[in-house]
C-alpha atoms as a PDB file:
ATOM      1  CA  MET A   1       0.000   0.000   0.000  1.00  0.00           C
ATOM      2  CA  HIS A   2       2.847   2.339   0.871  1.00  0.00           C
ATOM      3  CA  TYR A   3       4.484   1.760  -2.551  1.00  0.00           C
ATOM      4  CA  TYR A   4       1.153   2.133  -4.338  1.00  0.00           C
ATOM      5  CA  GLY A   5       0.479   5.410  -2.496  1.00  0.00           C
ATOM      6  CA  LYS A   6       3.851   6.784  -3.543  1.00  0.00           C
ATOM      7  CA  PHE A   7       3.249   5.653  -7.123  1.00  0.00           C
ATOM      8  CA  LEU A   8      -0.224   7.260  -7.162  1.00  0.00           C
ATOM      9  CA  ASN A   9       1.097  10.512  -5.732  1.00  0.00           C
ATOM     10  CA  SER A  10       3.890  10.629  -8.313  1.00  0.00           C
ATOM     11  CA  GLN A  11       1.368  10.025 -11.124  1.00  0.00           C
ATOM     12  CA  ILE A  12      -0.859  12.826  -9.837  1.00  0.00           C
ATOM     13  CA  ALA A  13       2.137  15.144  -9.560  1.00  0.00           C
ATOM     14  CA  PHE A  14       3.150  14.254 -13.124  1.00  0.00           C
ATOM     15  CA  LEU A  15      -0.345  14.984 -14.450  1.00  0.00           C
ATOM     16  CA  VAL A  16      -0.511  18.306 -12.580  1.00  0.00           C
ATOM     17  CA  ILE A  17       2.908  19.390 -13.901  1.00  0.00           C
ATOM     18  CA  THR A  18       2.009  18.283 -17.431  1.00  0.00           C
ATOM     19  CA  GLY A  19      -1.290  20.166 -17.241  1.00  0.00           C
ATOM     20  CA  LEU A  20       0.426  23.297 -16.005  1.00  0.00           C
ATOM     21  CA  PHE A  21       2.992  23.017 -18.806  1.00  0.00           C
ATOM     22  CA  ILE A  22       0.280  22.694 -21.463  1.00  0.00           C
ATOM     23  CA  LEU A  23      -1.662  25.593 -19.945  1.00  0.00           C
ATOM     24  CA  SER A  24       1.425  27.789 -19.764  1.00  0.00           C
ATOM     25  CA  SER A  25       2.315  26.913 -23.365  1.00  0.00           C
ATOM     26  CA  PHE A  26      -1.205  27.783 -24.513  1.00  0.00           C
ATOM     27  CA  SER A  27      -1.136  31.050 -22.564  1.00  0.00           C
ATOM     28  CA  ALA A  28       2.242  31.940 -24.024  1.00  0.00           C
ATOM     29  CA  LYS A  29       0.870  31.592 -27.553  1.00  0.00           C
ATOM     30  CA  SER A  30      -2.459  33.270 -26.837  1.00  0.00           C
ATOM     31  CA  GLU A  31      -2.852  37.015 -26.501  1.00  0.00           C
ATOM     32  CA  VAL A  32      -5.383  39.785 -26.671  1.00  0.00           C
ATOM     33  CA  VAL A  33      -5.507  41.112 -30.236  1.00  0.00           C
ATOM     34  CA  LYS A  34      -6.991  44.512 -31.020  1.00  0.00           C
ATOM     35  CA  VAL A  35      -9.527  44.317 -33.835  1.00  0.00           C
ATOM     36  CA  VAL A  36     -11.001  47.321 -35.656  1.00  0.00           C
ATOM     37  CA  THR A  37     -14.029  47.320 -37.930  1.00  0.00           C
ATOM     38  CA  GLU A  38     -17.118  49.287 -38.946  1.00  0.00           C
ATOM     39  CA  TYR A  39     -20.805  48.539 -39.395  1.00  0.00           C
ATOM     40  CA  LEU A  40     -21.155  47.304 -42.984  1.00  0.00           C
ATOM     41  CA  PRO A  41     -24.080  44.986 -43.742  1.00  0.00           C
ATOM     42  CA  PRO A  42     -24.078  42.040 -44.223  1.00  0.00           C
ATOM     43  CA  TYR A  43     -20.438  41.758 -43.168  1.00  0.00           C
ATOM     44  CA  GLN A  44     -20.605  43.588 -39.850  1.00  0.00           C
ATOM     45  CA  ILE A  45     -24.059  44.249 -38.422  1.00  0.00           C
ATOM     46  CA  LYS A  46     -25.524  45.285 -35.083  1.00  0.00           C
ATOM     47  CA  LEU A  47     -27.681  42.460 -33.744  1.00  0.00           C
ATOM     48  CA  GLU A  48     -30.904  42.949 -31.770  1.00  0.00           C
ATOM     49  CA  ASP A  49     -29.085  42.407 -28.467  1.00  0.00           C
ATOM     50  CA  GLY A  50     -26.573  45.112 -29.377  1.00  0.00           C
ATOM     51  CA  SER A  51     -23.721  42.719 -30.117  1.00  0.00           C
ATOM     52  CA  LEU A  52     -21.731  42.608 -33.338  1.00  0.00           C
ATOM     53  CA  GLY A  53     -22.627  39.962 -35.907  1.00  0.00           C
ATOM     54  CA  GLY A  54     -22.602  39.412 -39.643  1.00  0.00           C
ATOM     55  CA  TYR A  55     -20.835  37.191 -42.140  1.00  0.00           C
ATOM     56  CA  SER A  56     -17.322  38.586 -41.688  1.00  0.00           C
ATOM     57  CA  THR A  57     -17.695  38.722 -37.911  1.00  0.00           C
ATOM     58  CA  ASP A  58     -18.567  35.005 -37.894  1.00  0.00           C
ATOM     59  CA  VAL A  59     -15.398  34.316 -39.886  1.00  0.00           C
ATOM     60  CA  ILE A  60     -13.320  36.363 -37.443  1.00  0.00           C
ATOM     61  CA  THR A  61     -14.887  34.515 -34.496  1.00  0.00           C
ATOM     62  CA  GLU A  62     -13.904  31.157 -36.011  1.00  0.00           C
ATOM     63  CA  LEU A  63     -10.360  32.375 -36.676  1.00  0.00           C
ATOM     64  CA  PHE A  64      -9.926  33.340 -33.030  1.00  0.00           C
ATOM     65  CA  LYS A  65     -11.300  29.972 -31.930  1.00  0.00           C
ATOM     66  CA  ILE A  66      -8.543  28.307 -33.940  1.00  0.00           C
ATOM     67  CA  THR A  67      -5.699  30.576 -32.794  1.00  0.00           C
ATOM     68  CA  GLY A  68      -6.844  30.674 -29.169  1.00  0.00           C
ATOM     69  CA  ASP A  69      -6.341  34.429 -29.045  1.00  0.00           C
ATOM     70  CA  ILE A  70      -8.823  36.874 -27.525  1.00  0.00           C
ATOM     71  CA  PRO A  71     -10.370  39.558 -29.788  1.00  0.00           C
ATOM     72  CA  ASP A  72     -10.681  43.104 -28.453  1.00  0.00           C
ATOM     73  CA  ILE A  73     -13.102  44.525 -31.027  1.00  0.00           C
ATOM     74  CA  HIS A  74     -13.575  48.255 -31.620  1.00  0.00           C
ATOM     75  CA  ILE A  75     -16.379  49.454 -33.936  1.00  0.00           C
ATOM     76  CA  LEU A  76     -15.287  52.757 -35.467  1.00  0.00           C
ATOM     77  CA  PRO A  77     -15.994  55.013 -38.431  1.00  0.00           C
ATOM     78  CA  TRP A  78     -14.029  53.538 -41.328  1.00  0.00           C
ATOM     79  CA  ALA A  79     -11.416  56.331 -41.516  1.00  0.00           C
ATOM     80  CA  ARG A  80     -10.558  55.855 -37.828  1.00  0.00           C
ATOM     81  CA  ALA A  81     -10.451  52.067 -38.125  1.00  0.00           C
ATOM     82  CA  TYR A  82      -8.171  52.306 -41.150  1.00  0.00           C
ATOM     83  CA  GLY A  83      -5.910  54.868 -39.472  1.00  0.00           C
ATOM     84  CA  THR A  84      -5.653  52.773 -36.307  1.00  0.00           C
ATOM     85  CA  ALA A  85      -4.595  49.693 -38.267  1.00  0.00           C
ATOM     86  CA  ARG A  86      -1.983  51.750 -40.122  1.00  0.00           C
ATOM     87  CA  ARG A  87      -0.503  53.377 -37.005  1.00  0.00           C
ATOM     88  CA  GLU A  88      -0.687  50.860 -34.171  1.00  0.00           C
ATOM     89  CA  PRO A  89       1.143  47.510 -33.957  1.00  0.00           C
ATOM     90  CA  ASN A  90      -0.631  44.134 -34.001  1.00  0.00           C
ATOM     91  CA  VAL A  91      -4.047  45.444 -35.096  1.00  0.00           C
ATOM     92  CA  LEU A  92      -6.384  43.282 -37.177  1.00  0.00           C
ATOM     93  CA  ILE A  93      -8.821  45.055 -39.519  1.00  0.00           C
ATOM     94  CA  TYR A  94     -11.844  43.695 -41.386  1.00  0.00           C
ATOM     95  CA  SER A  95     -13.586  43.855 -43.817  1.00  0.00           C
ATOM     96  CA  ILE A  96     -11.005  45.689 -45.937  1.00  0.00           C
ATOM     97  CA  SER A  97     -10.755  45.744 -49.734  1.00  0.00           C
ATOM     98  CA  HIS A  98      -7.484  44.265 -50.947  1.00  0.00           C
ATOM     99  CA  THR A  99      -6.502  46.811 -53.587  1.00  0.00           C
ATOM    100  CA  SER A 100      -3.154  47.189 -55.354  1.00  0.00           C
ATOM    101  CA  ALA A 101      -2.550  50.487 -53.522  1.00  0.00           C
ATOM    102  CA  ARG A 102      -3.146  48.887 -50.125  1.00  0.00           C
ATOM    103  CA  ASP A 103      -1.289  45.661 -50.845  1.00  0.00           C
ATOM    104  CA  PRO A 104       2.126  46.779 -49.478  1.00  0.00           C
ATOM    105  CA  LEU A 105       0.576  48.572 -46.489  1.00  0.00           C
ATOM    106  CA  PHE A 106      -0.853  45.501 -44.735  1.00  0.00           C
ATOM    107  CA  HIS A 107      -0.237  41.818 -44.045  1.00  0.00           C
ATOM    108  CA  TRP A 108      -3.120  39.960 -45.701  1.00  0.00           C
ATOM    109  CA  ILE A 109      -4.669  37.017 -43.861  1.00  0.00           C
ATOM    110  CA  GLY A 110      -7.232  35.923 -46.446  1.00  0.00           C
ATOM    111  CA  PRO A 111     -10.189  36.931 -48.609  1.00  0.00           C
ATOM    112  CA  LEU A 112     -13.810  37.072 -47.451  1.00  0.00           C
ATOM    113  CA  LYS A 113     -15.645  37.829 -50.698  1.00  0.00           C
ATOM    114  CA  TYR A 114     -14.895  38.888 -54.280  1.00  0.00           C
ATOM    115  CA  GLU A 115     -16.674  42.122 -55.196  1.00  0.00           C
ATOM    116  CA  ARG A 116     -17.540  44.134 -58.303  1.00  0.00           C
ATOM    117  CA  PHE A 117     -18.367  47.846 -58.078  1.00  0.00           C
ATOM    118  CA  TYR A 118     -20.714  49.971 -60.153  1.00  0.00           C
ATOM    119  CA  PHE A 119     -21.656  53.618 -60.534  1.00  0.00           C
ATOM    120  CA  TRP A 120     -25.319  54.142 -59.578  1.00  0.00           C
ATOM    121  CA  ALA A 121     -27.794  56.958 -60.213  1.00  0.00           C
ATOM    122  CA  LEU A 122     -31.502  57.702 -59.859  1.00  0.00           C
ATOM    123  CA  LYS A 123     -33.447  56.132 -62.728  1.00  0.00           C
ATOM    124  CA  SER A 124     -35.574  59.265 -62.988  1.00  0.00           C
ATOM    125  CA  LYS A 125     -32.511  61.404 -63.729  1.00  0.00           C
ATOM    126  CA  ILE A 126     -30.895  59.256 -66.417  1.00  0.00           C
ATOM    127  CA  THR A 127     -31.930  60.088 -69.964  1.00  0.00           C
ATOM    128  CA  LYS A 128     -29.007  58.572 -71.887  1.00  0.00           C
ATOM    129  CA  GLU A 129     -26.300  55.916 -71.647  1.00  0.00           C
ATOM    130  CA  TYR A 130     -22.943  56.693 -70.074  1.00  0.00           C
ATOM    131  CA  GLU A 131     -20.548  54.242 -71.648  1.00  0.00           C
ATOM    132  CA  SER A 132     -17.210  55.799 -70.699  1.00  0.00           C
ATOM    133  CA  LEU A 133     -15.670  56.803 -67.389  1.00  0.00           C
ATOM    134  CA  HIS A 134     -14.863  60.204 -68.867  1.00  0.00           C
ATOM    135  CA  ALA A 135     -18.591  60.840 -69.413  1.00  0.00           C
ATOM    136  CA  ILE A 136     -19.325  60.820 -65.673  1.00  0.00           C
ATOM    137  CA  LYS A 137     -16.186  62.455 -64.227  1.00  0.00           C
ATOM    138  CA  SER A 138     -17.848  65.867 -64.024  1.00  0.00           C
ATOM    139  CA  MET A 139     -20.753  64.527 -61.962  1.00  0.00           C
ATOM    140  CA  LEU A 140     -21.063  65.090 -58.211  1.00  0.00           C
ATOM    141  CA  ILE A 141     -20.325  61.915 -56.236  1.00  0.00           C
ATOM    142  CA  ALA A 142     -20.063  60.967 -52.538  1.00  0.00           C
ATOM    143  CA  SER A 143     -17.636  58.451 -51.065  1.00  0.00           C
ATOM    144  CA  VAL A 144     -16.810  57.166 -47.582  1.00  0.00           C
ATOM    145  CA  ASN A 145     -13.600  58.750 -46.278  1.00  0.00           C
ATOM    146  CA  GLU A 146     -10.528  56.484 -46.659  1.00  0.00           C
ATOM    147  CA  ASN A 147     -12.649  53.912 -48.509  1.00  0.00           C
ATOM    148  CA  ASN A 148     -11.233  52.065 -51.507  1.00  0.00           C
ATOM    149  CA  THR A 149     -13.860  53.770 -53.664  1.00  0.00           C
ATOM    150  CA  GLU A 150     -12.497  57.188 -52.691  1.00  0.00           C
ATOM    151  CA  GLN A 151      -8.993  56.219 -53.785  1.00  0.00           C
ATOM    152  CA  TYR A 152     -10.377  54.852 -57.056  1.00  0.00           C
ATOM    153  CA  LEU A 153     -12.143  58.140 -57.775  1.00  0.00           C
ATOM    154  CA  ILE A 154      -9.032  60.188 -57.010  1.00  0.00           C
ATOM    155  CA  ASP A 155      -6.823  57.918 -59.131  1.00  0.00           C
ATOM    156  CA  ASN A 156      -9.243  58.259 -62.045  1.00  0.00           C
ATOM    157  CA  GLY A 157      -9.426  62.037 -61.984  1.00  0.00           C
ATOM    158  CA  PHE A 158     -12.772  62.695 -60.291  1.00  0.00           C
ATOM    159  CA  LYS A 159     -12.788  66.193 -58.806  1.00  0.00           C
ATOM    160  CA  ASN A 160     -16.277  66.664 -57.322  1.00  0.00           C
ATOM    161  CA  ILE A 161     -16.050  64.180 -54.443  1.00  0.00           C
ATOM    162  CA  TYR A 162     -18.003  64.678 -51.215  1.00  0.00           C
ATOM    163  CA  LYS A 163     -16.562  62.735 -48.278  1.00  0.00           C
ATOM    164  CA  VAL A 164     -19.032  61.033 -45.942  1.00  0.00           C
ATOM    165  CA  ILE A 165     -18.651  58.891 -42.830  1.00  0.00           C
ATOM    166  CA  LYS A 166     -21.111  56.122 -43.751  1.00  0.00           C
ATOM    167  CA  GLY A 167     -22.437  54.726 -47.016  1.00  0.00           C
ATOM    168  CA  GLU A 168     -26.038  55.453 -46.026  1.00  0.00           C
ATOM    169  CA  GLN A 169     -25.233  59.168 -46.118  1.00  0.00           C
ATOM    170  CA  SER A 170     -24.424  58.865 -49.816  1.00  0.00           C
ATOM    171  CA  LEU A 171     -27.868  57.383 -50.468  1.00  0.00           C
ATOM    172  CA  LEU A 172     -29.603  60.199 -48.627  1.00  0.00           C
ATOM    173  CA  MET A 173     -27.591  62.787 -50.552  1.00  0.00           C
ATOM    174  CA  LEU A 174     -28.579  61.089 -53.803  1.00  0.00           C
ATOM    175  CA  GLU A 175     -32.248  61.061 -52.783  1.00  0.00           C
ATOM    176  CA  LYS A 176     -32.098  64.810 -52.068  1.00  0.00           C
ATOM    177  CA  GLN A 177     -30.243  65.321 -55.364  1.00  0.00           C
ATOM    178  CA  ARG A 178     -27.257  66.879 -53.629  1.00  0.00           C
ATOM    179  CA  ILE A 179     -25.087  64.488 -55.659  1.00  0.00           C
ATOM    180  CA  ASP A 180     -25.547  62.815 -59.049  1.00  0.00           C
ATOM    181  CA  ILE A 181     -24.027  59.357 -58.606  1.00  0.00           C
ATOM    182  CA  ILE A 182     -22.615  56.926 -56.054  1.00  0.00           C
ATOM    183  CA  LEU A 183     -20.104  54.084 -56.308  1.00  0.00           C
ATOM    184  CA  SER A 184     -20.799  50.792 -54.552  1.00  0.00           C
ATOM    185  CA  ASN A 185     -21.182  47.049 -54.926  1.00  0.00           C
ATOM    186  CA  GLU A 186     -24.738  45.807 -55.311  1.00  0.00           C
ATOM    187  CA  LEU A 187     -25.087  43.698 -52.158  1.00  0.00           C
ATOM    188  CA  THR A 188     -23.866  46.396 -49.774  1.00  0.00           C
ATOM    189  CA  LEU A 189     -25.930  49.099 -51.478  1.00  0.00           C
ATOM    190  CA  ALA A 190     -29.113  47.018 -51.338  1.00  0.00           C
ATOM    191  CA  LEU A 191     -28.689  46.337 -47.621  1.00  0.00           C
ATOM    192  CA  GLN A 192     -27.795  49.945 -46.816  1.00  0.00           C
ATOM    193  CA  SER A 193     -30.979  50.964 -48.632  1.00  0.00           C
ATOM    194  CA  GLN A 194     -32.951  48.524 -46.522  1.00  0.00           C
ATOM    195  CA  ASN A 195     -31.427  49.899 -43.316  1.00  0.00           C
ATOM    196  CA  ILE A 196     -32.735  53.408 -44.001  1.00  0.00           C
ATOM    197  CA  ASP A 197     -35.976  52.369 -45.739  1.00  0.00           C
ATOM    198  CA  TYR A 198     -34.716  53.647 -49.064  1.00  0.00           C
ATOM    199  CA  ASP A 199     -36.327  52.280 -52.231  1.00  0.00           C
ATOM    200  CA  PHE A 200     -33.484  50.423 -53.930  1.00  0.00           C
ATOM    201  CA  SER A 201     -35.569  49.973 -57.084  1.00  0.00           C
ATOM    202  CA  THR A 202     -35.228  53.708 -57.823  1.00  0.00           C
ATOM    203  CA  LEU A 203     -31.514  53.181 -58.588  1.00  0.00           C
ATOM    204  CA  THR A 204     -29.901  52.060 -61.806  1.00  0.00           C
ATOM    205  CA  LYS A 205     -26.373  51.025 -62.803  1.00  0.00           C
ATOM    206  CA  LEU A 206     -24.592  53.460 -65.083  1.00  0.00           C
ATOM    207  CA  GLN A 207     -21.496  51.345 -65.676  1.00  0.00           C
ATOM    208  CA  GLU A 208     -19.034  49.050 -63.941  1.00  0.00           C
ATOM    209  CA  ALA A 209     -16.061  50.631 -62.213  1.00  0.00           C
ATOM    210  CA  LYS A 210     -13.452  48.703 -64.171  1.00  0.00           C
ATOM    211  CA  GLY A 211     -10.306  48.036 -62.200  1.00  0.00           C
ATOM    212  CA  LEU A 212     -12.101  48.193 -58.857  1.00  0.00           C
ATOM    213  CA  GLN A 213     -12.889  44.488 -58.666  1.00  0.00           C
ATOM    214  CA  ASN A 214     -11.148  43.094 -55.581  1.00  0.00           C
ATOM    215  CA  ASN A 215     -11.397  40.812 -52.592  1.00  0.00           C
ATOM    216  CA  LEU A 216     -12.938  42.026 -49.362  1.00  0.00           C
ATOM    217  CA  SER A 217     -10.399  40.687 -46.891  1.00  0.00           C
ATOM    218  CA  ILE A 218      -8.903  40.343 -43.413  1.00  0.00           C
ATOM    219  CA  ALA A 219      -5.568  42.038 -42.728  1.00  0.00           C
ATOM    220  CA  PHE A 220      -3.105  43.092 -40.053  1.00  0.00           C
ATOM    221  CA  GLY A 221      -1.355  46.443 -39.956  1.00  0.00           C
ATOM    222  CA  PHE A 222       2.160  46.418 -41.402  1.00  0.00           C
ATOM    223  CA  ASN A 223       3.806  46.756 -37.958  1.00  0.00           C
ATOM    224  CA  THR A 224       2.658  43.367 -36.688  1.00  0.00           C
ATOM    225  CA  ASP A 225       4.595  40.533 -35.036  1.00  0.00           C
ATOM    226  CA  PRO A 226       5.421  37.915 -37.735  1.00  0.00           C
ATOM    227  CA  LYS A 227       4.399  35.133 -35.341  1.00  0.00           C
ATOM    228  CA  VAL A 228       0.909  36.628 -35.035  1.00  0.00           C
ATOM    229  CA  ILE A 229       0.600  36.905 -38.817  1.00  0.00           C
ATOM    230  CA  GLU A 230       1.717  33.312 -39.316  1.00  0.00           C
ATOM    231  CA  ARG A 231      -0.702  32.082 -36.660  1.00  0.00           C
ATOM    232  CA  PHE A 232      -3.696  33.754 -38.287  1.00  0.00           C
ATOM    233  CA  GLN A 233      -2.703  32.813 -41.839  1.00  0.00           C
ATOM    234  CA  THR A 234      -2.453  29.186 -40.718  1.00  0.00           C
ATOM    235  CA  ALA A 235      -5.850  29.464 -39.025  1.00  0.00           C
ATOM    236  CA  TYR A 236      -7.381  30.922 -42.190  1.00  0.00           C
ATOM    237  CA  THR A 237      -6.022  28.004 -44.247  1.00  0.00           C
ATOM    238  CA  GLU A 238      -7.610  25.605 -41.762  1.00  0.00           C
ATOM    239  CA  LEU A 239     -10.891  27.516 -42.051  1.00  0.00           C
ATOM    240  CA  VAL A 240     -10.836  27.018 -45.825  1.00  0.00           C
ATOM    241  CA  THR A 241      -9.677  23.398 -45.952  1.00  0.00           C
ATOM    242  CA  SER A 242     -12.136  22.287 -43.270  1.00  0.00           C
ATOM    243  CA  GLY A 243     -15.064  23.686 -45.260  1.00  0.00           C
ATOM    244  CA  LYS A 244     -16.014  26.037 -42.410  1.00  0.00           C
ATOM    245  CA  LEU A 245     -15.636  29.168 -44.551  1.00  0.00           C
ATOM    246  CA  VAL A 246     -18.073  27.814 -47.141  1.00  0.00           C
ATOM    247  CA  GLU A 247     -20.458  26.872 -44.341  1.00  0.00           C
ATOM    248  CA  ILE A 248     -20.444  30.451 -43.008  1.00  0.00           C
ATOM    249  CA  LYS A 249     -20.978  31.803 -46.542  1.00  0.00           C
ATOM    250  CA  HIS A 250     -24.042  29.577 -46.942  1.00  0.00           C
ATOM    251  CA  LYS A 251     -25.397  30.744 -43.581  1.00  0.00           C
ATOM    252  CA  TRP A 252     -25.321  34.378 -44.743  1.00  0.00           C
ATOM    253  CA  SER A 253     -26.164  33.662 -48.419  1.00  0.00           C
ATOM    254  CA  ILE A 254     -22.850  35.158 -49.491  1.00  0.00           C
ATOM    255  CA  LYS A 255     -21.893  34.669 -53.143  1.00  0.00           C
ATOM    256  CA  ASP A 256     -18.807  35.964 -54.890  1.00  0.00           C
ATOM    257  CA  GLU A 257     -19.570  38.413 -57.717  1.00  0.00           C
ATOM    258  CA  ASN A 258     -18.087  36.801 -60.830  1.00  0.00           C
END
């Protein structure tokens, strides 16, 4: 009995030490990660209980489950979210368009959805076809500050750009005829219209914004620990290969715009 008691005690001690080692190893790898985002349906939406939900948020939640890290999420106007990710170390930002201009400014974790953008106007105000970009450059247009659409407009020589904080403001300006056109992808525009009880059927596409097709993505600011980047890139690969990403897309009826 004496020998058995010693053996049992040593086994318990071994299990306790092993458990503490595993726990300490897990804790060493896990950390609180600052996350910045904005409200952008259906990617980031405010749920009835006040919490943050949406397709992209579900993807982020699954990523953190895999890495074991703890998300510290801040919902900000897009310009502030973008600036925070650019300035501060180890900040994750979503959902951010992966454009050629932004490519060297961030570490890219993985795509969420492929998007196509169009110029939109009120049907009642369009009396002819606008087949070239040059034909609409003189029109008044609104764009969210620091959004990829704003950079596209600047790069393509648009001069009459009104900066807004949220996409819904552009719709209201269009309704009041304070601007002539807006630039957006169809899914986001339809849901923003729904959020403010705007009649989406009053809008029409003028033309596609060629060169603005890109992936809505997840990224870390450039000044981020390489180990954190590797951990999240590995987690994203697991999300894809396991079929979980497709499952989340089906849940939110998300389809890539071919």
